[in-house]
C-alpha atoms as a PDB file:
ATOM      1  CA  MET A   1      -1.569  53.140  -3.230  1.00  0.00           C
ATOM      2  CA  SER A   2      -1.613  49.376  -4.953  1.00  0.00           C
ATOM      3  CA  ALA A   3       1.376  48.670  -7.792  1.00  0.00           C
ATOM      4  CA  ILE A   4       1.923  46.678 -10.581  1.00  0.00           C
ATOM      5  CA  ARG A   5       5.249  45.203 -11.713  1.00  0.00           C
ATOM      6  CA  GLU A   6       6.663  42.526 -13.487  1.00  0.00           C
ATOM      7  CA  PHE A   7       6.768  39.060 -12.382  1.00  0.00           C
ATOM      8  CA  VAL A   8       8.869  36.987 -14.312  1.00  0.00           C
ATOM      9  CA  ASP A   9      11.271  33.810 -12.854  1.00  0.00           C
ATOM     10  CA  SER A  10      13.214  32.363 -15.572  1.00  0.00           C
ATOM     11  CA  GLY A  11      15.205  30.175 -13.770  1.00  0.00           C
ATOM     12  CA  VAL A  12      12.410  27.217 -13.807  1.00  0.00           C
ATOM     13  CA  GLU A  13      10.711  24.874 -16.338  1.00  0.00           C
ATOM     14  CA  PRO A  14       8.308  26.255 -17.311  1.00  0.00           C
ATOM     15  CA  PRO A  15       8.804  29.805 -16.883  1.00  0.00           C
ATOM     16  CA  VAL A  16       6.924  32.086 -15.217  1.00  0.00           C
ATOM     17  CA  ARG A  17       5.857  35.422 -16.514  1.00  0.00           C
ATOM     18  CA  GLY A  18       2.821  37.764 -15.601  1.00  0.00           C
ATOM     19  CA  SER A  19       2.085  40.964 -13.698  1.00  0.00           C
ATOM     20  CA  LEU A  20       1.930  41.319  -9.731  1.00  0.00           C
ATOM     21  CA  HIS A  21      -0.575  43.159  -8.262  1.00  0.00           C
ATOM     22  CA  VAL A  22       0.780  44.184  -4.925  1.00  0.00           C
ATOM     23  CA  PRO A  23      -1.384  45.856  -2.268  1.00  0.00           C
ATOM     24  CA  ASP A  24      -0.512  48.932   0.081  1.00  0.00           C
ATOM     25  CA  THR A  25      -1.963  47.261   2.878  1.00  0.00           C
ATOM     26  CA  PRO A  26      -0.841  43.569   2.561  1.00  0.00           C
ATOM     27  CA  ASN A  27      -3.400  40.633   4.100  1.00  0.00           C
ATOM     28  CA  ASP A  28      -0.505  38.189   3.615  1.00  0.00           C
ATOM     29  CA  SER A  29      -2.498  36.207   1.140  1.00  0.00           C
ATOM     30  CA  ALA A  30      -2.083  36.162  -2.661  1.00  0.00           C
ATOM     31  CA  LEU A  31      -4.316  34.879  -5.527  1.00  0.00           C
ATOM     32  CA  ILE A  32      -3.012  33.440  -8.419  1.00  0.00           C
ATOM     33  CA  LEU A  33      -5.342  34.421 -11.519  1.00  0.00           C
ATOM     34  CA  THR A  34      -5.043  32.651 -15.240  1.00  0.00           C
ATOM     35  CA  HIS A  35      -6.521  32.684 -18.187  1.00  0.00           C
ATOM     36  CA  GLY A  36      -9.122  31.347 -20.892  1.00  0.00           C
ATOM     37  CA  ALA A  37      -8.103  28.858 -24.018  1.00  0.00           C
ATOM     38  CA  GLY A  38      -8.109  32.060 -26.202  1.00  0.00           C
ATOM     39  CA  SER A  39      -6.876  35.026 -24.523  1.00  0.00           C
ATOM     40  CA  ASN A  40      -4.211  35.754 -22.046  1.00  0.00           C
ATOM     41  CA  ALA A  41      -3.365  37.503 -18.756  1.00  0.00           C
ATOM     42  CA  ASN A  42      -4.436  40.894 -19.821  1.00  0.00           C
ATOM     43  CA  ALA A  43      -7.862  39.729 -20.339  1.00  0.00           C
ATOM     44  CA  PRO A  44     -10.183  42.454 -18.852  1.00  0.00           C
ATOM     45  CA  LEU A  45     -12.225  40.308 -16.530  1.00  0.00           C
ATOM     46  CA  LEU A  46      -8.570  39.433 -14.952  1.00  0.00           C
ATOM     47  CA  ILE A  47      -7.436  42.716 -14.155  1.00  0.00           C
ATOM     48  CA  ALA A  48     -10.678  43.693 -12.861  1.00  0.00           C
ATOM     49  CA  LEU A  49     -10.572  40.884 -10.403  1.00  0.00           C
ATOM     50  CA  ALA A  50      -7.057  41.350  -9.473  1.00  0.00           C
ATOM     51  CA  GLU A  51      -7.289  45.295  -8.842  1.00  0.00           C
ATOM     52  CA  THR A  52     -10.735  44.491  -6.508  1.00  0.00           C
ATOM     53  CA  PHE A  53      -8.924  42.048  -4.552  1.00  0.00           C
ATOM     54  CA  CYS A  54      -5.820  43.855  -4.232  1.00  0.00           C
ATOM     55  CA  ALA A  55      -7.564  46.433  -3.064  1.00  0.00           C
ATOM     56  CA  ALA A  56      -8.581  44.293  -0.539  1.00  0.00           C
ATOM     57  CA  GLY A  57      -4.534  43.392   0.496  1.00  0.00           C
ATOM     58  CA  PHE A  58      -4.518  40.715  -1.680  1.00  0.00           C
ATOM     59  CA  ALA A  59      -1.283  40.393  -3.631  1.00  0.00           C
ATOM     60  CA  VAL A  60      -2.547  39.468  -7.065  1.00  0.00           C
ATOM     61  CA  LEU A  61      -0.310  37.566  -9.903  1.00  0.00           C
ATOM     62  CA  ARG A  62      -1.722  37.195 -13.578  1.00  0.00           C
ATOM     63  CA  CYS A  63       0.098  35.323 -15.240  1.00  0.00           C
ATOM     64  CA  ASP A  64       0.509  33.715 -18.943  1.00  0.00           C
ATOM     65  CA  LEU A  65       0.490  29.776 -19.313  1.00  0.00           C
ATOM     66  CA  PRO A  66       3.462  28.673 -21.032  1.00  0.00           C
ATOM     67  CA  TYR A  67       1.750  27.681 -24.341  1.00  0.00           C
ATOM     68  CA  ARG A  68       0.809  31.420 -24.518  1.00  0.00           C
ATOM     69  CA  GLN A  69       4.479  32.763 -23.125  1.00  0.00           C
ATOM     70  CA  VAL A  70       5.487  30.923 -26.429  1.00  0.00           C
ATOM     71  CA  ARG A  71       2.832  31.680 -28.839  1.00  0.00           C
ATOM     72  CA  SER A  72       1.133  34.729 -28.226  1.00  0.00           C
ATOM     73  CA  TRP A  73      -2.033  33.774 -30.301  1.00  0.00           C
ATOM     74  CA  GLY A  74      -4.223  31.301 -30.644  1.00  0.00           C
ATOM     75  CA  PRO A  75      -5.676  28.713 -28.790  1.00  0.00           C
ATOM     76  CA  PRO A  76      -3.198  25.454 -26.770  1.00  0.00           C
ATOM     77  CA  GLY A  77      -2.454  23.203 -28.409  1.00  0.00           C
ATOM     78  CA  PRO A  78      -3.321  19.359 -27.570  1.00  0.00           C
ATOM     79  CA  GLY A  79       0.020  18.417 -26.290  1.00  0.00           C
ATOM     80  CA  ASP A  80       0.242  21.580 -23.714  1.00  0.00           C
ATOM     81  CA  ALA A  81      -1.764  20.817 -21.411  1.00  0.00           C
ATOM     82  CA  ALA A  82       0.925  19.101 -19.039  1.00  0.00           C
ATOM     83  CA  ARG A  83       2.696  21.918 -19.270  1.00  0.00           C
ATOM     84  CA  ASP A  84       0.588  24.664 -18.019  1.00  0.00           C
ATOM     85  CA  ARG A  85       0.034  22.985 -15.055  1.00  0.00           C
ATOM     86  CA  ALA A  86       3.781  22.569 -14.482  1.00  0.00           C
ATOM     87  CA  GLY A  87       4.074  26.017 -14.799  1.00  0.00           C
ATOM     88  CA  LEU A  88       1.220  26.805 -12.806  1.00  0.00           C
ATOM     89  CA  LYS A  89       3.068  24.864 -10.218  1.00  0.00           C
ATOM     90  CA  ASN A  90       6.022  26.710 -10.502  1.00  0.00           C
ATOM     91  CA  ALA A  91       3.849  29.832 -10.334  1.00  0.00           C
ATOM     92  CA  VAL A  92       2.275  29.128  -6.903  1.00  0.00           C
ATOM     93  CA  ALA A  93       6.120  27.891  -5.783  1.00  0.00           C
ATOM     94  CA  ALA A  94       7.418  31.571  -7.209  1.00  0.00           C
ATOM     95  CA  LEU A  95       4.807  33.453  -4.788  1.00  0.00           C
ATOM     96  CA  ARG A  96       5.338  31.372  -2.198  1.00  0.00           C
ATOM     97  CA  LYS A  97       8.663  33.089  -1.539  1.00  0.00           C
ATOM     98  CA  THR A  98       7.354  36.344  -1.433  1.00  0.00           C
ATOM     99  CA  VAL A  99       4.243  35.853   0.913  1.00  0.00           C
ATOM    100  CA  SER A 100       3.822  34.262   4.086  1.00  0.00           C
ATOM    101  CA  GLY A 101      -0.080  33.917   4.228  1.00  0.00           C
ATOM    102  CA  LYS A 102      -2.255  31.608   2.313  1.00  0.00           C
ATOM    103  CA  ILE A 103      -2.023  30.805  -1.805  1.00  0.00           C
ATOM    104  CA  PHE A 104      -5.193  30.751  -3.684  1.00  0.00           C
ATOM    105  CA  LEU A 105      -5.215  29.657  -7.213  1.00  0.00           C
ATOM    106  CA  GLY A 106      -7.654  30.822  -9.808  1.00  0.00           C
ATOM    107  CA  GLY A 107      -8.293  30.901 -13.657  1.00  0.00           C
ATOM    108  CA  HIS A 108     -11.203  31.218 -16.104  1.00  0.00           C
ATOM    109  CA  SER A 109     -12.316  28.683 -18.445  1.00  0.00           C
ATOM    110  CA  TYR A 110      -9.191  26.531 -19.730  1.00  0.00           C
ATOM    111  CA  GLY A 111      -7.273  27.765 -17.022  1.00  0.00           C
ATOM    112  CA  GLY A 112      -9.373  27.134 -14.523  1.00  0.00           C
ATOM    113  CA  ARG A 113      -9.856  23.684 -15.506  1.00  0.00           C
ATOM    114  CA  GLN A 114      -5.925  23.278 -15.651  1.00  0.00           C
ATOM    115  CA  ALA A 115      -5.636  24.478 -11.836  1.00  0.00           C
ATOM    116  CA  SER A 116      -8.201  21.833 -10.819  1.00  0.00           C
ATOM    117  CA  MET A 117      -6.513  19.262 -13.125  1.00  0.00           C
ATOM    118  CA  LEU A 118      -3.161  20.447 -10.897  1.00  0.00           C
ATOM    119  CA  CYS A 119      -4.380  19.991  -7.105  1.00  0.00           C
ATOM    120  CA  ALA A 120      -6.464  16.886  -7.814  1.00  0.00           C
ATOM    121  CA  GLU A 121      -3.290  15.460  -9.203  1.00  0.00           C
ATOM    122  CA  PHE A 122      -1.240  16.571  -6.284  1.00  0.00           C
ATOM    123  CA  SER A 123      -4.065  15.780  -3.497  1.00  0.00           C
ATOM    124  CA  ASP A 124      -1.827  12.970  -2.088  1.00  0.00           C
ATOM    125  CA  GLU A 125       1.804  14.639  -2.840  1.00  0.00           C
ATOM    126  CA  GLU A 126       0.785  17.803  -2.122  1.00  0.00           C
ATOM    127  CA  PRO A 127      -2.900  18.654  -0.471  1.00  0.00           C
ATOM    128  CA  ASP A 128      -1.953  21.843   0.894  1.00  0.00           C
ATOM    129  CA  LEU A 129       0.079  23.097  -2.888  1.00  0.00           C
ATOM    130  CA  VAL A 130      -3.017  25.694  -2.483  1.00  0.00           C
ATOM    131  CA  ALA A 131      -5.842  27.008  -0.083  1.00  0.00           C
ATOM    132  CA  GLY A 132      -8.328  27.155  -2.308  1.00  0.00           C
ATOM    133  CA  LEU A 133      -9.594  27.086  -5.901  1.00  0.00           C
ATOM    134  CA  LEU A 134     -11.390  30.360  -7.637  1.00  0.00           C
ATOM    135  CA  LEU A 135     -13.002  28.829 -10.967  1.00  0.00           C
ATOM    136  CA  LEU A 136     -14.516  31.243 -13.611  1.00  0.00           C
ATOM    137  CA  SER A 137     -16.467  29.466 -16.121  1.00  0.00           C
ATOM    138  CA  TYR A 138     -15.398  26.160 -15.560  1.00  0.00           C
ATOM    139  CA  PRO A 139     -15.751  24.193 -19.222  1.00  0.00           C
ATOM    140  CA  LEU A 140     -17.747  21.685 -18.103  1.00  0.00           C
ATOM    141  CA  HIS A 141     -17.766  20.337 -21.656  1.00  0.00           C
ATOM    142  CA  PRO A 142     -17.831  21.853 -25.308  1.00  0.00           C
ATOM    143  CA  PRO A 143     -20.806  23.658 -26.355  1.00  0.00           C
ATOM    144  CA  ARG A 144     -23.621  21.480 -27.822  1.00  0.00           C
ATOM    145  CA  LYS A 145     -21.587  18.255 -26.668  1.00  0.00           C
ATOM    146  CA  PRO A 146     -22.553  17.198 -23.325  1.00  0.00           C
ATOM    147  CA  GLU A 147     -21.892  14.185 -23.201  1.00  0.00           C
ATOM    148  CA  GLN A 148     -18.169  15.176 -23.652  1.00  0.00           C
ATOM    149  CA  GLN A 149     -17.756  15.475 -19.501  1.00  0.00           C
ATOM    150  CA  ARG A 150     -14.600  17.179 -18.458  1.00  0.00           C
ATOM    151  CA  THR A 151     -15.255  15.449 -15.088  1.00  0.00           C
ATOM    152  CA  GLN A 152     -12.542  13.126 -15.125  1.00  0.00           C
ATOM    153  CA  HIS A 153     -10.585  14.677 -11.792  1.00  0.00           C
ATOM    154  CA  LEU A 154     -12.952  15.856  -9.917  1.00  0.00           C
ATOM    155  CA  PRO A 155     -13.413  12.845  -7.909  1.00  0.00           C
ATOM    156  CA  SER A 156     -10.067  13.096  -6.574  1.00  0.00           C
ATOM    157  CA  LEU A 157     -10.599  17.267  -6.069  1.00  0.00           C
ATOM    158  CA  ARG A 158     -10.079  17.621  -2.515  1.00  0.00           C
ATOM    159  CA  THR A 159      -9.301  21.490  -2.654  1.00  0.00           C
ATOM    160  CA  PRO A 160     -12.009  23.628  -1.262  1.00  0.00           C
ATOM    161  CA  THR A 161     -13.485  25.333  -4.504  1.00  0.00           C
ATOM    162  CA  LEU A 162     -15.838  28.144  -5.667  1.00  0.00           C
ATOM    163  CA  PHE A 163     -16.886  27.921  -8.983  1.00  0.00           C
ATOM    164  CA  VAL A 164     -18.650  31.316 -10.951  1.00  0.00           C
ATOM    165  CA  HIS A 165     -21.004  29.994 -13.712  1.00  0.00           C
ATOM    166  CA  GLY A 166     -23.151  32.312 -15.930  1.00  0.00           C
ATOM    167  CA  THR A 167     -26.764  30.206 -16.270  1.00  0.00           C
ATOM    168  CA  ARG A 168     -26.580  31.186 -19.949  1.00  0.00           C
ATOM    169  CA  ASP A 169     -22.760  29.563 -20.189  1.00  0.00           C
ATOM    170  CA  PRO A 170     -23.332  27.278 -23.067  1.00  0.00           C
ATOM    171  CA  PHE A 171     -20.330  25.369 -21.385  1.00  0.00           C
ATOM    172  CA  GLY A 172     -22.226  23.485 -19.037  1.00  0.00           C
ATOM    173  CA  SER A 173     -25.910  24.009 -17.143  1.00  0.00           C
ATOM    174  CA  THR A 174     -27.002  24.652 -13.829  1.00  0.00           C
ATOM    175  CA  SER A 175     -27.924  21.008 -13.484  1.00  0.00           C
ATOM    176  CA  GLU A 176     -25.051  19.705 -15.229  1.00  0.00           C
ATOM    177  CA  PHE A 177     -22.871  21.824 -12.852  1.00  0.00           C
ATOM    178  CA  GLU A 178     -24.668  20.373  -9.568  1.00  0.00           C
ATOM    179  CA  GLN A 179     -24.853  16.721 -10.743  1.00  0.00           C
ATOM    180  CA  ALA A 180     -20.689  17.482 -11.266  1.00  0.00           C
ATOM    181  CA  LEU A 181     -20.232  18.948  -7.966  1.00  0.00           C
ATOM    182  CA  LYS A 182     -21.968  16.255  -5.905  1.00  0.00           C
ATOM    183  CA  MET A 183     -18.157  14.190  -7.259  1.00  0.00           C
ATOM    184  CA  ILE A 184     -16.352  16.426  -5.757  1.00  0.00           C
ATOM    185  CA  PRO A 185     -15.039  15.232  -1.834  1.00  0.00           C
ATOM    186  CA  GLY A 186     -13.155  18.211  -1.467  1.00  0.00           C
ATOM    187  CA  LYS A 187     -15.781  21.569  -0.198  1.00  0.00           C
ATOM    188  CA  THR A 188     -17.738  23.447  -2.450  1.00  0.00           C
ATOM    189  CA  LYS A 189     -19.796  26.010  -3.995  1.00  0.00           C
ATOM    190  CA  LEU A 190     -21.388  27.029  -6.633  1.00  0.00           C
ATOM    191  CA  LEU A 191     -22.045  31.116  -7.279  1.00  0.00           C
ATOM    192  CA  GLU A 192     -24.950  31.416 -10.240  1.00  0.00           C
ATOM    193  CA  LEU A 193     -24.710  35.064 -12.356  1.00  0.00           C
ATOM    194  CA  GLU A 194     -28.304  35.043 -13.807  1.00  0.00           C
ATOM    195  CA  GLY A 195     -28.026  35.652 -17.819  1.00  0.00           C
ATOM    196  CA  ALA A 196     -24.493  35.939 -18.024  1.00  0.00           C
ATOM    197  CA  GLY A 197     -22.382  33.848 -20.494  1.00  0.00           C
ATOM    198  CA  HIS A 198     -18.980  31.882 -20.413  1.00  0.00           C
ATOM    199  CA  ASP A 199     -17.050  35.128 -20.724  1.00  0.00           C
ATOM    200  CA  LEU A 200     -19.516  36.806 -17.490  1.00  0.00           C
ATOM    201  CA  GLY A 201     -20.129  39.801 -19.169  1.00  0.00           C
ATOM    202  CA  PHE A 202     -16.350  40.714 -20.074  1.00  0.00           C
ATOM    203  CA  THR A 203     -16.446  40.617 -24.251  1.00  0.00           C
ATOM    204  CA  GLY A 204     -15.052  43.157 -25.873  1.00  0.00           C
ATOM    205  CA  LYS A 205     -15.593  46.290 -23.968  1.00  0.00           C
ATOM    206  CA  ALA A 206     -18.499  45.593 -21.753  1.00  0.00           C
ATOM    207  CA  LYS A 207     -17.750  45.331 -18.366  1.00  0.00           C
ATOM    208  CA  GLN A 208     -19.668  44.353 -15.182  1.00  0.00           C
ATOM    209  CA  ASN A 209     -18.456  46.732 -12.573  1.00  0.00           C
ATOM    210  CA  GLU A 210     -20.363  45.111  -9.689  1.00  0.00           C
ATOM    211  CA  LEU A 211     -18.989  41.503 -10.478  1.00  0.00           C
ATOM    212  CA  PRO A 212     -15.526  41.525  -9.026  1.00  0.00           C
ATOM    213  CA  GLY A 213     -16.973  42.888  -5.685  1.00  0.00           C
ATOM    214  CA  LEU A 214     -19.134  40.264  -5.721  1.00  0.00           C
ATOM    215  CA  ILE A 215     -16.863  37.473  -6.525  1.00  0.00           C
ATOM    216  CA  LEU A 216     -14.989  38.571  -3.690  1.00  0.00           C
ATOM    217  CA  SER A 217     -17.220  38.967  -0.959  1.00  0.00           C
ATOM    218  CA  GLU A 218     -18.144  35.267  -1.997  1.00  0.00           C
ATOM    219  CA  PHE A 219     -14.234  34.077  -1.810  1.00  0.00           C
ATOM    220  CA  THR A 220     -13.955  35.557   1.619  1.00  0.00           C
ATOM    221  CA  GLN A 221     -16.922  34.349   3.013  1.00  0.00           C
ATOM    222  CA  PHE A 222     -16.909  30.746   1.081  1.00  0.00           C
ATOM    223  CA  PHE A 223     -13.011  31.060   2.504  1.00  0.00           C
ATOM    224  CA  GLY A 224     -13.568  32.262   6.462  1.00  0.00           C
ATOM    225  CA  LEU A 225     -11.313  35.230   5.293  1.00  0.00           C
ATOM    226  CA  SER A 226     -11.472  38.855   5.990  1.00  0.00           C
ATOM    227  CA  SER A 227     -10.238  41.288   3.209  1.00  0.00           C
ATOM    228  CA  ARG A 228      -7.506  42.678   5.693  1.00  0.00           C
ATOM    229  CA  SER A 229      -6.403  39.469   7.647  1.00  0.00           C
END
C-alpha cells in the first residue's frame, strides 16, 4: 500500500514543508501540488488528487507555500509572491533528490499562478525546471474585474500546461481562457468542467469523487505518460 510521510527540507531558504505520498509501485515520476490563497496543503482537493495520482504510481508532494508556513491562516501578503515562488523551486530541487523521472508542478488558484510564473521566469535559464504544469482554477482575473488580467507572464510560459477550469468560475470565463491560452508559446490544453466553480466542487465536505480520476486521465494523455511507466 502507498504511504504518506512528512516531507521537510529546512536546510534551504525558504524551507520546504509538506506531506509526501509514496506509491507502492512507483512509475518514477512525481507531482508537486500546492494550495490556493486562503487554504493549505491539506485542502480536500489536493488530498483527493494526491491519493489518485499516487495510486497510479506517482510520488505526490502536497506542500505549504512559504507564506502559509509563517502564518497558519489568511491570504498571502503583497510581498509574499516572490518568496512563494522560491519555495516552489526549492520543493522541486528537494524532490529531485528522491525521484529519478519527470517532476510536474501543479497548484490550485494562487498556487498554480505562482507555479506558472516560476516556470515563465526561468524559461530561458532553466527551461527543463519541470516537465509540465497542472493548473487548477487559474485565477485569470479577480471576480467582476476582467480588466485586471493576470496574463503578463504568459508569453514567456514555454512549459507544457494543462489547465482545469470550471465554467462557473468567476475568476475567468471560457472565452477569456481561450484568448489567454493563445498568448502561451508552450503546449496547452484546457479541461473544462461544466457547472463547476472556483473550488471545482470541493467545498466544505462536498467532493466530486470522479474528478481526480478524470484529471489523471487527461494529465497522462496530455503529457504522453503511462500511469505505471
